[in-house]
Amino acid sequence: MNPMNRFLLLFLLISLWMPHCFADDGPGHALGTKAELLFEDDFERTELGPWKVIIPGFKISEGVLVGTQDRADHGSVGRVYLPMQDCLVSFRFQLAGSPRFNIVFDDKNHKGSHAGHICRVAVAPKQIRLGDDKEGVMRNDIFAMRRDPKQKSAADKLLIGRGVAAAVDLKSDRWYEMTIEILGDQMRVTLDGKEIGVLKSPGIAHPTKESVHFTVNGNATHIDDVKIWRLESKAK
């Protein structure tokens, strides 16, 4: 092979290889497409505004929402009431010393699960978990079974397929951007544009997520730039 042909072959191979190495794998696997913006908050104020503190405590400080656990028996809960079904939620967060926080979708009118919990994403320094609460750990019968040592193993069998978890390595002093997509019976999470996990489970398809809230455990979690869109199927 003459030098020119060798150069052209090398150039072709590099051209084919580079997109796979550097492409962002997030948007290519998106569940749907953004429709209208339903809610946004950059916390550039001092009052909590639409955020309702169900369990203390939450405050706005230096342009971010700060959640701290003020009660020993439960993490703090800060909620926005916003009826939605298929949606995309994006926000930035910093653990800032917190051992974990959850973002939870609820329907208080649904009586089949504890506190009307529908689905959630649980964030900890070493793991991010996607969970179907409605048909999983918060379903009334399973919730009761898991509190009974004699029935816990049977309850665990009922939880197969109701959650997925991914290993991560989150730094307490670093900001991250998370997106949560919900479309039908699927929920997908990305972190800084990279897919973390996808869960397909029937409870996620609950037709009304009446509210969304953050539950924070420990010292503090910082939240900023919350946005919520209605999500449409790509087929539309």
C-alpha atoms as a PDB file:
ATOM      1  CA  MET A   1       0.000   0.000   0.000  1.00  0.00           C
ATOM      2  CA  ASN A   2       1.465   3.342  -1.000  1.00  0.00           C
ATOM      3  CA  PRO A   3       1.825   6.090   1.662  1.00  0.00           C
ATOM      4  CA  MET A   4      -1.122   8.113   0.342  1.00  0.00           C
ATOM      5  CA  ASN A   5      -3.537   5.168   0.465  1.00  0.00           C
ATOM      6  CA  ARG A   6      -2.280   4.252   3.941  1.00  0.00           C
ATOM      7  CA  PHE A   7      -2.954   7.833   5.090  1.00  0.00           C
ATOM      8  CA  LEU A   8      -6.465   7.805   3.612  1.00  0.00           C
ATOM      9  CA  LEU A   9      -7.262   4.482   5.293  1.00  0.00           C
ATOM     10  CA  LEU A  10      -6.001   5.755   8.648  1.00  0.00           C
ATOM     11  CA  PHE A  11      -8.071   8.943   8.266  1.00  0.00           C
ATOM     12  CA  LEU A  12     -11.199   6.887   7.492  1.00  0.00           C
ATOM     13  CA  LEU A  13     -10.703   4.634  10.515  1.00  0.00           C
ATOM     14  CA  ILE A  14     -10.207   7.606  12.842  1.00  0.00           C
ATOM     15  CA  SER A  15     -13.304   9.324  11.413  1.00  0.00           C
ATOM     16  CA  LEU A  16     -15.415   6.247  12.135  1.00  0.00           C
ATOM     17  CA  TRP A  17     -13.957   5.753  15.632  1.00  0.00           C
ATOM     18  CA  MET A  18     -14.120   9.283  17.046  1.00  0.00           C
ATOM     19  CA  PRO A  19     -17.931   9.787  17.139  1.00  0.00           C
ATOM     20  CA  HIS A  20     -18.332   6.638  19.244  1.00  0.00           C
ATOM     21  CA  CYS A  21     -15.678   7.781  21.700  1.00  0.00           C
ATOM     22  CA  PHE A  22     -16.894  11.303  22.264  1.00  0.00           C
ATOM     23  CA  ALA A  23     -20.637  11.287  21.548  1.00  0.00           C
ATOM     24  CA  ASP A  24     -22.972  11.996  24.475  1.00  0.00           C
ATOM     25  CA  ASP A  25     -25.005   8.832  24.974  1.00  0.00           C
ATOM     26  CA  GLY A  26     -27.843  10.726  26.716  1.00  0.00           C
ATOM     27  CA  PRO A  27     -30.020  12.352  24.021  1.00  0.00           C
ATOM     28  CA  GLY A  28     -29.781   9.344  21.691  1.00  0.00           C
ATOM     29  CA  HIS A  29     -31.722   7.217  24.155  1.00  0.00           C
ATOM     30  CA  ALA A  30     -34.206   9.828  25.390  1.00  0.00           C
ATOM     31  CA  LEU A  31     -37.672   8.448  26.096  1.00  0.00           C
ATOM     32  CA  GLY A  32     -39.498  11.384  24.543  1.00  0.00           C
ATOM     33  CA  THR A  33     -39.294  15.006  23.496  1.00  0.00           C
ATOM     34  CA  LYS A  34     -39.886  18.122  25.583  1.00  0.00           C
ATOM     35  CA  ALA A  35     -43.209  19.897  25.116  1.00  0.00           C
ATOM     36  CA  GLU A  36     -44.275  22.976  27.100  1.00  0.00           C
ATOM     37  CA  LEU A  37     -42.371  24.127  30.151  1.00  0.00           C
ATOM     38  CA  LEU A  38     -44.604  23.591  33.209  1.00  0.00           C
ATOM     39  CA  PHE A  39     -42.396  24.943  35.982  1.00  0.00           C
ATOM     40  CA  GLU A  40     -39.006  26.553  36.577  1.00  0.00           C
ATOM     41  CA  ASP A  41     -37.223  27.978  39.601  1.00  0.00           C
ATOM     42  CA  ASP A  42     -33.741  29.471  39.888  1.00  0.00           C
ATOM     43  CA  PHE A  43     -34.212  30.435  43.582  1.00  0.00           C
ATOM     44  CA  GLU A  44     -32.969  33.995  43.081  1.00  0.00           C
ATOM     45  CA  ARG A  45     -34.968  35.289  46.045  1.00  0.00           C
ATOM     46  CA  THR A  46     -35.329  34.708  49.775  1.00  0.00           C
ATOM     47  CA  GLU A  47     -38.886  33.353  50.202  1.00  0.00           C
ATOM     48  CA  LEU A  48     -39.765  29.727  49.416  1.00  0.00           C
ATOM     49  CA  GLY A  49     -42.601  30.677  47.089  1.00  0.00           C
ATOM     50  CA  PRO A  50     -44.243  27.568  45.566  1.00  0.00           C
ATOM     51  CA  TRP A  51     -42.217  25.152  47.693  1.00  0.00           C
ATOM     52  CA  LYS A  52     -44.275  23.802  50.584  1.00  0.00           C
ATOM     53  CA  VAL A  53     -42.310  22.517  53.571  1.00  0.00           C
ATOM     54  CA  ILE A  54     -44.098  19.343  54.656  1.00  0.00           C
ATOM     55  CA  ILE A  55     -41.360  18.307  57.086  1.00  0.00           C
ATOM     56  CA  PRO A  56     -38.674  20.851  58.136  1.00  0.00           C
ATOM     57  CA  GLY A  57     -36.477  22.172  57.015  1.00  0.00           C
ATOM     58  CA  PHE A  58     -35.984  23.993  53.737  1.00  0.00           C
ATOM     59  CA  LYS A  59     -34.810  27.510  53.023  1.00  0.00           C
ATOM     60  CA  ILE A  60     -33.392  29.559  50.185  1.00  0.00           C
ATOM     61  CA  SER A  61     -29.855  30.775  50.758  1.00  0.00           C
ATOM     62  CA  GLU A  62     -27.519  32.490  48.301  1.00  0.00           C
ATOM     63  CA  GLY A  63     -29.652  31.545  45.310  1.00  0.00           C
ATOM     64  CA  VAL A  64     -30.115  27.830  46.058  1.00  0.00           C
ATOM     65  CA  LEU A  65     -32.714  25.676  47.814  1.00  0.00           C
ATOM     66  CA  VAL A  66     -31.140  24.151  50.924  1.00  0.00           C
ATOM     67  CA  GLY A  67     -32.682  21.080  52.541  1.00  0.00           C
ATOM     68  CA  THR A  68     -31.618  19.891  56.001  1.00  0.00           C
ATOM     69  CA  GLN A  69     -33.041  17.109  58.165  1.00  0.00           C
ATOM     70  CA  ASP A  70     -34.480  18.765  61.270  1.00  0.00           C
ATOM     71  CA  ARG A  71     -36.431  15.762  62.567  1.00  0.00           C
ATOM     72  CA  ALA A  72     -34.798  12.552  63.757  1.00  0.00           C
ATOM     73  CA  ASP A  73     -37.531  10.233  62.476  1.00  0.00           C
ATOM     74  CA  HIS A  74     -37.840  11.482  58.869  1.00  0.00           C
ATOM     75  CA  GLY A  75     -35.931  13.430  56.262  1.00  0.00           C
ATOM     76  CA  SER A  76     -37.064  16.943  55.395  1.00  0.00           C
ATOM     77  CA  VAL A  77     -39.688  17.237  52.649  1.00  0.00           C
ATOM     78  CA  GLY A  78     -40.075  20.213  50.310  1.00  0.00           C
ATOM     79  CA  ARG A  79     -42.869  19.855  47.747  1.00  0.00           C
ATOM     80  CA  VAL A  80     -44.265  21.547  44.669  1.00  0.00           C
ATOM     81  CA  TYR A  81     -47.877  20.801  43.759  1.00  0.00           C
ATOM     82  CA  LEU A  82     -47.996  20.409  39.984  1.00  0.00           C
ATOM     83  CA  PRO A  83     -50.247  17.808  38.345  1.00  0.00           C
ATOM     84  CA  MET A  84     -48.320  15.960  35.651  1.00  0.00           C
ATOM     85  CA  GLN A  85     -48.211  12.592  33.929  1.00  0.00           C
ATOM     86  CA  ASP A  86     -45.419  12.226  31.378  1.00  0.00           C
ATOM     87  CA  CYS A  87     -42.711  14.712  32.250  1.00  0.00           C
ATOM     88  CA  LEU A  88     -39.042  15.626  32.272  1.00  0.00           C
ATOM     89  CA  VAL A  89     -37.546  17.095  35.435  1.00  0.00           C
ATOM     90  CA  SER A  90     -34.086  18.633  35.431  1.00  0.00           C
ATOM     91  CA  PHE A  91     -32.150  20.204  38.292  1.00  0.00           C
ATOM     92  CA  ARG A  92     -28.663  20.731  39.657  1.00  0.00           C
ATOM     93  CA  PHE A  93     -27.620  19.394  43.033  1.00  0.00           C
ATOM     94  CA  GLN A  94     -24.746  19.295  45.481  1.00  0.00           C
ATOM     95  CA  LEU A  95     -24.773  16.765  48.323  1.00  0.00           C
ATOM     96  CA  ALA A  96     -22.956  19.241  50.588  1.00  0.00           C
ATOM     97  CA  GLY A  97     -22.592  16.710  53.394  1.00  0.00           C
ATOM     98  CA  SER A  98     -25.916  14.906  53.004  1.00  0.00           C
ATOM     99  CA  PRO A  99     -25.758  11.091  52.960  1.00  0.00           C
ATOM    100  CA  ARG A 100     -28.711  10.903  50.555  1.00  0.00           C
ATOM    101  CA  PHE A 101     -31.759  12.601  49.098  1.00  0.00           C
ATOM    102  CA  ASN A 102     -34.778  11.489  47.077  1.00  0.00           C
ATOM    103  CA  ILE A 103     -36.893  13.132  44.426  1.00  0.00           C
ATOM    104  CA  VAL A 104     -40.364  11.632  44.718  1.00  0.00           C
ATOM    105  CA  PHE A 105     -43.522  11.806  42.602  1.00  0.00           C
ATOM    106  CA  ASP A 106     -46.781  11.451  44.554  1.00  0.00           C
ATOM    107  CA  ASP A 107     -50.537  11.331  44.198  1.00  0.00           C
ATOM    108  CA  LYS A 108     -52.203  11.960  47.557  1.00  0.00           C
ATOM    109  CA  ASN A 109     -55.500  10.686  46.118  1.00  0.00           C
ATOM    110  CA  HIS A 110     -54.022   7.250  45.466  1.00  0.00           C
ATOM    111  CA  LYS A 111     -54.714   5.127  48.528  1.00  0.00           C
ATOM    112  CA  GLY A 112     -52.960   1.959  47.387  1.00  0.00           C
ATOM    113  CA  SER A 113     -49.469   3.019  48.434  1.00  0.00           C
ATOM    114  CA  HIS A 114     -47.967   4.557  51.557  1.00  0.00           C
ATOM    115  CA  ALA A 115     -48.448   8.365  51.463  1.00  0.00           C
ATOM    116  CA  GLY A 116     -49.524   8.128  47.821  1.00  0.00           C
ATOM    117  CA  HIS A 117     -45.943   7.581  46.641  1.00  0.00           C
ATOM    118  CA  ILE A 118     -45.764   6.692  42.934  1.00  0.00           C
ATOM    119  CA  CYS A 119     -42.084   6.593  41.939  1.00  0.00           C
ATOM    120  CA  ARG A 120     -38.728   8.046  42.953  1.00  0.00           C
ATOM    121  CA  VAL A 121     -35.045   8.500  42.323  1.00  0.00           C
ATOM    122  CA  ALA A 122     -32.806   8.021  45.374  1.00  0.00           C
ATOM    123  CA  VAL A 123     -29.373   9.648  45.291  1.00  0.00           C
ATOM    124  CA  ALA A 124     -26.470   8.690  47.560  1.00  0.00           C
ATOM    125  CA  PRO A 125     -22.717   9.188  47.170  1.00  0.00           C
ATOM    126  CA  LYS A 126     -22.162   5.636  45.899  1.00  0.00           C
ATOM    127  CA  GLN A 127     -25.506   4.737  44.328  1.00  0.00           C
ATOM    128  CA  ILE A 128     -28.435   6.151  42.366  1.00  0.00           C
ATOM    129  CA  ARG A 129     -31.612   4.078  42.464  1.00  0.00           C
ATOM    130  CA  LEU A 130     -34.776   4.298  40.363  1.00  0.00           C
ATOM    131  CA  GLY A 131     -37.859   2.891  42.070  1.00  0.00           C
ATOM    132  CA  ASP A 132     -41.500   2.120  41.359  1.00  0.00           C
ATOM    133  CA  ASP A 133     -43.146   2.980  44.679  1.00  0.00           C
ATOM    134  CA  LYS A 134     -46.744   2.347  43.646  1.00  0.00           C
ATOM    135  CA  GLU A 135     -46.167  -1.320  42.817  1.00  0.00           C
ATOM    136  CA  GLY A 136     -42.977  -1.681  44.852  1.00  0.00           C
ATOM    137  CA  VAL A 137     -41.728  -0.880  48.354  1.00  0.00           C
ATOM    138  CA  MET A 138     -44.541   1.589  49.118  1.00  0.00           C
ATOM    139  CA  ARG A 139     -47.468  -0.559  47.960  1.00  0.00           C
ATOM    140  CA  ASN A 140     -49.581  -1.038  51.061  1.00  0.00           C
ATOM    141  CA  ASP A 141     -49.325  -4.821  51.307  1.00  0.00           C
ATOM    142  CA  ILE A 142     -45.599  -4.906  50.529  1.00  0.00           C
ATOM    143  CA  PHE A 143     -44.951  -1.995  52.892  1.00  0.00           C
ATOM    144  CA  ALA A 144     -46.624  -3.933  55.716  1.00  0.00           C
ATOM    145  CA  MET A 145     -44.888  -7.207  54.840  1.00  0.00           C
ATOM    146  CA  ARG A 146     -41.442  -5.617  54.921  1.00  0.00           C
ATOM    147  CA  ARG A 147     -42.055  -4.505  58.500  1.00  0.00           C
ATOM    148  CA  ASP A 148     -42.727  -8.101  59.537  1.00  0.00           C
ATOM    149  CA  PRO A 149     -39.462 -10.093  59.776  1.00  0.00           C
ATOM    150  CA  LYS A 150     -41.368 -13.294  58.994  1.00  0.00           C
ATOM    151  CA  GLN A 151     -42.690 -11.897  55.705  1.00  0.00           C
ATOM    152  CA  LYS A 152     -39.743  -9.814  54.546  1.00  0.00           C
ATOM    153  CA  SER A 153     -38.262 -12.497  52.285  1.00  0.00           C
ATOM    154  CA  ALA A 154     -41.649 -12.969  50.596  1.00  0.00           C
ATOM    155  CA  ALA A 155     -41.932  -9.208  50.165  1.00  0.00           C
ATOM    156  CA  ASP A 156     -38.481  -9.062  48.593  1.00  0.00           C
ATOM    157  CA  LYS A 157     -39.615 -11.521  45.907  1.00  0.00           C
ATOM    158  CA  LEU A 158     -42.489  -9.183  45.040  1.00  0.00           C
ATOM    159  CA  LEU A 159     -39.987  -6.366  44.504  1.00  0.00           C
ATOM    160  CA  ILE A 160     -38.141  -8.059  41.649  1.00  0.00           C
ATOM    161  CA  GLY A 161     -38.250  -5.714  38.659  1.00  0.00           C
ATOM    162  CA  ARG A 162     -39.542  -2.768  40.685  1.00  0.00           C
ATOM    163  CA  GLY A 163     -36.212  -0.947  40.913  1.00  0.00           C
ATOM    164  CA  VAL A 164     -32.784  -0.593  39.351  1.00  0.00           C
ATOM    165  CA  ALA A 165     -29.595   0.824  40.833  1.00  0.00           C
ATOM    166  CA  ALA A 166     -26.326   2.117  39.424  1.00  0.00           C
ATOM    167  CA  ALA A 167     -22.992   2.596  41.146  1.00  0.00           C
ATOM    168  CA  VAL A 168     -21.676   6.174  41.169  1.00  0.00           C
ATOM    169  CA  ASP A 169     -18.979   8.168  42.930  1.00  0.00           C
ATOM    170  CA  LEU A 170     -20.451  11.547  43.850  1.00  0.00           C
ATOM    171  CA  LYS A 171     -18.323  14.204  45.523  1.00  0.00           C
ATOM    172  CA  SER A 172     -19.879  16.211  48.333  1.00  0.00           C
ATOM    173  CA  ASP A 173     -18.471  19.548  47.120  1.00  0.00           C
ATOM    174  CA  ARG A 174     -19.296  19.168  43.421  1.00  0.00           C
ATOM    175  CA  TRP A 175     -22.401  20.270  41.530  1.00  0.00           C
ATOM    176  CA  TYR A 176     -24.134  17.752  39.246  1.00  0.00           C
ATOM    177  CA  GLU A 177     -26.997  18.044  36.775  1.00  0.00           C
ATOM    178  CA  MET A 178     -29.706  15.387  36.791  1.00  0.00           C
ATOM    179  CA  THR A 179     -32.624  14.775  34.458  1.00  0.00           C
ATOM    180  CA  ILE A 180     -35.519  12.431  35.147  1.00  0.00           C
ATOM    181  CA  GLU A 181     -37.757  11.409  32.250  1.00  0.00           C
ATOM    182  CA  ILE A 182     -41.087   9.704  32.818  1.00  0.00           C
ATOM    183  CA  LEU A 183     -43.035   8.398  29.842  1.00  0.00           C
ATOM    184  CA  GLY A 184     -45.706   5.749  30.244  1.00  0.00           C
ATOM    185  CA  ASP A 185     -44.332   2.950  32.394  1.00  0.00           C
ATOM    186  CA  GLN A 186     -40.693   3.976  31.959  1.00  0.00           C
ATOM    187  CA  MET A 187     -38.406   6.253  33.953  1.00  0.00           C
ATOM    188  CA  ARG A 188     -34.938   7.249  32.767  1.00  0.00           C
ATOM    189  CA  VAL A 189     -32.233   9.151  34.659  1.00  0.00           C
ATOM    190  CA  THR A 190     -29.157  10.939  33.355  1.00  0.00           C
ATOM    191  CA  LEU A 191     -26.338  12.535  35.313  1.00  0.00           C
ATOM    192  CA  ASP A 192     -24.353  15.279  33.587  1.00  0.00           C
ATOM    193  CA  GLY A 193     -25.774  14.069  30.271  1.00  0.00           C
ATOM    194  CA  LYS A 194     -24.859  10.412  30.741  1.00  0.00           C
ATOM    195  CA  GLU A 195     -27.501   7.734  31.171  1.00  0.00           C
ATOM    196  CA  ILE A 196     -27.544   6.257  34.678  1.00  0.00           C
ATOM    197  CA  GLY A 197     -30.466   3.871  34.370  1.00  0.00           C
ATOM    198  CA  VAL A 198     -33.874   3.081  32.904  1.00  0.00           C
ATOM    199  CA  LEU A 199     -36.688   1.400  34.818  1.00  0.00           C
ATOM    200  CA  LYS A 200     -39.761  -0.095  33.174  1.00  0.00           C
ATOM    201  CA  SER A 201     -42.405  -0.925  35.778  1.00  0.00           C
ATOM    202  CA  PRO A 202     -46.224  -0.611  35.792  1.00  0.00           C
ATOM    203  CA  GLY A 203     -46.597   1.802  38.705  1.00  0.00           C
ATOM    204  CA  ILE A 204     -44.670   4.506  36.874  1.00  0.00           C
ATOM    205  CA  ALA A 205     -47.543   4.788  34.389  1.00  0.00           C
ATOM    206  CA  HIS A 206     -49.907   6.086  37.112  1.00  0.00           C
ATOM    207  CA  PRO A 207     -51.906   8.753  35.247  1.00  0.00           C
ATOM    208  CA  THR A 208     -51.501  11.593  37.746  1.00  0.00           C
ATOM    209  CA  LYS A 209     -48.347  12.602  39.554  1.00  0.00           C
ATOM    210  CA  GLU A 210     -50.014  15.273  41.673  1.00  0.00           C
ATOM    211  CA  SER A 211     -46.790  16.658  43.136  1.00  0.00           C
ATOM    212  CA  VAL A 212     -43.032  16.281  43.222  1.00  0.00           C
ATOM    213  CA  HIS A 213     -40.822  16.716  46.270  1.00  0.00           C
ATOM    214  CA  PHE A 214     -37.298  16.449  47.579  1.00  0.00           C
ATOM    215  CA  THR A 215     -36.642  14.443  50.736  1.00  0.00           C
ATOM    216  CA  VAL A 216     -33.273  15.256  52.313  1.00  0.00           C
ATOM    217  CA  ASN A 217     -31.454  13.291  54.989  1.00  0.00           C
ATOM    218  CA  GLY A 218     -28.603  14.619  57.088  1.00  0.00           C
ATOM    219  CA  ASN A 219     -26.844  17.947  57.071  1.00  0.00           C
ATOM    220  CA  ALA A 220     -27.710  19.489  53.727  1.00  0.00           C
ATOM    221  CA  THR A 221     -28.468  19.029  50.059  1.00  0.00           C
ATOM    222  CA  HIS A 222     -28.327  22.051  47.759  1.00  0.00           C
ATOM    223  CA  ILE A 223     -30.747  22.243  44.814  1.00  0.00           C
ATOM    224  CA  ASP A 224     -30.817  24.760  41.970  1.00  0.00           C
ATOM    225  CA  ASP A 225     -32.284  25.429  38.519  1.00  0.00           C
ATOM    226  CA  VAL A 226     -35.326  23.157  38.748  1.00  0.00           C
ATOM    227  CA  LYS A 227     -37.282  22.829  35.494  1.00  0.00           C
ATOM    228  CA  ILE A 228     -40.223  20.600  34.619  1.00  0.00           C
ATOM    229  CA  TRP A 229     -41.515  19.996  31.094  1.00  0.00           C
ATOM    230  CA  ARG A 230     -44.372  17.935  29.770  1.00  0.00           C
ATOM    231  CA  LEU A 231     -42.882  15.033  27.842  1.00  0.00           C
ATOM    232  CA  GLU A 232     -44.285  13.739  24.573  1.00  0.00           C
ATOM    233  CA  SER A 233     -43.698  10.461  22.812  1.00  0.00           C
ATOM    234  CA  LYS A 234     -41.180  10.716  19.979  1.00  0.00           C
ATOM    235  CA  ALA A 235     -43.830   9.308  17.642  1.00  0.00           C
ATOM    236  CA  LYS A 236     -45.947  12.488  17.899  1.00  0.00           C
END
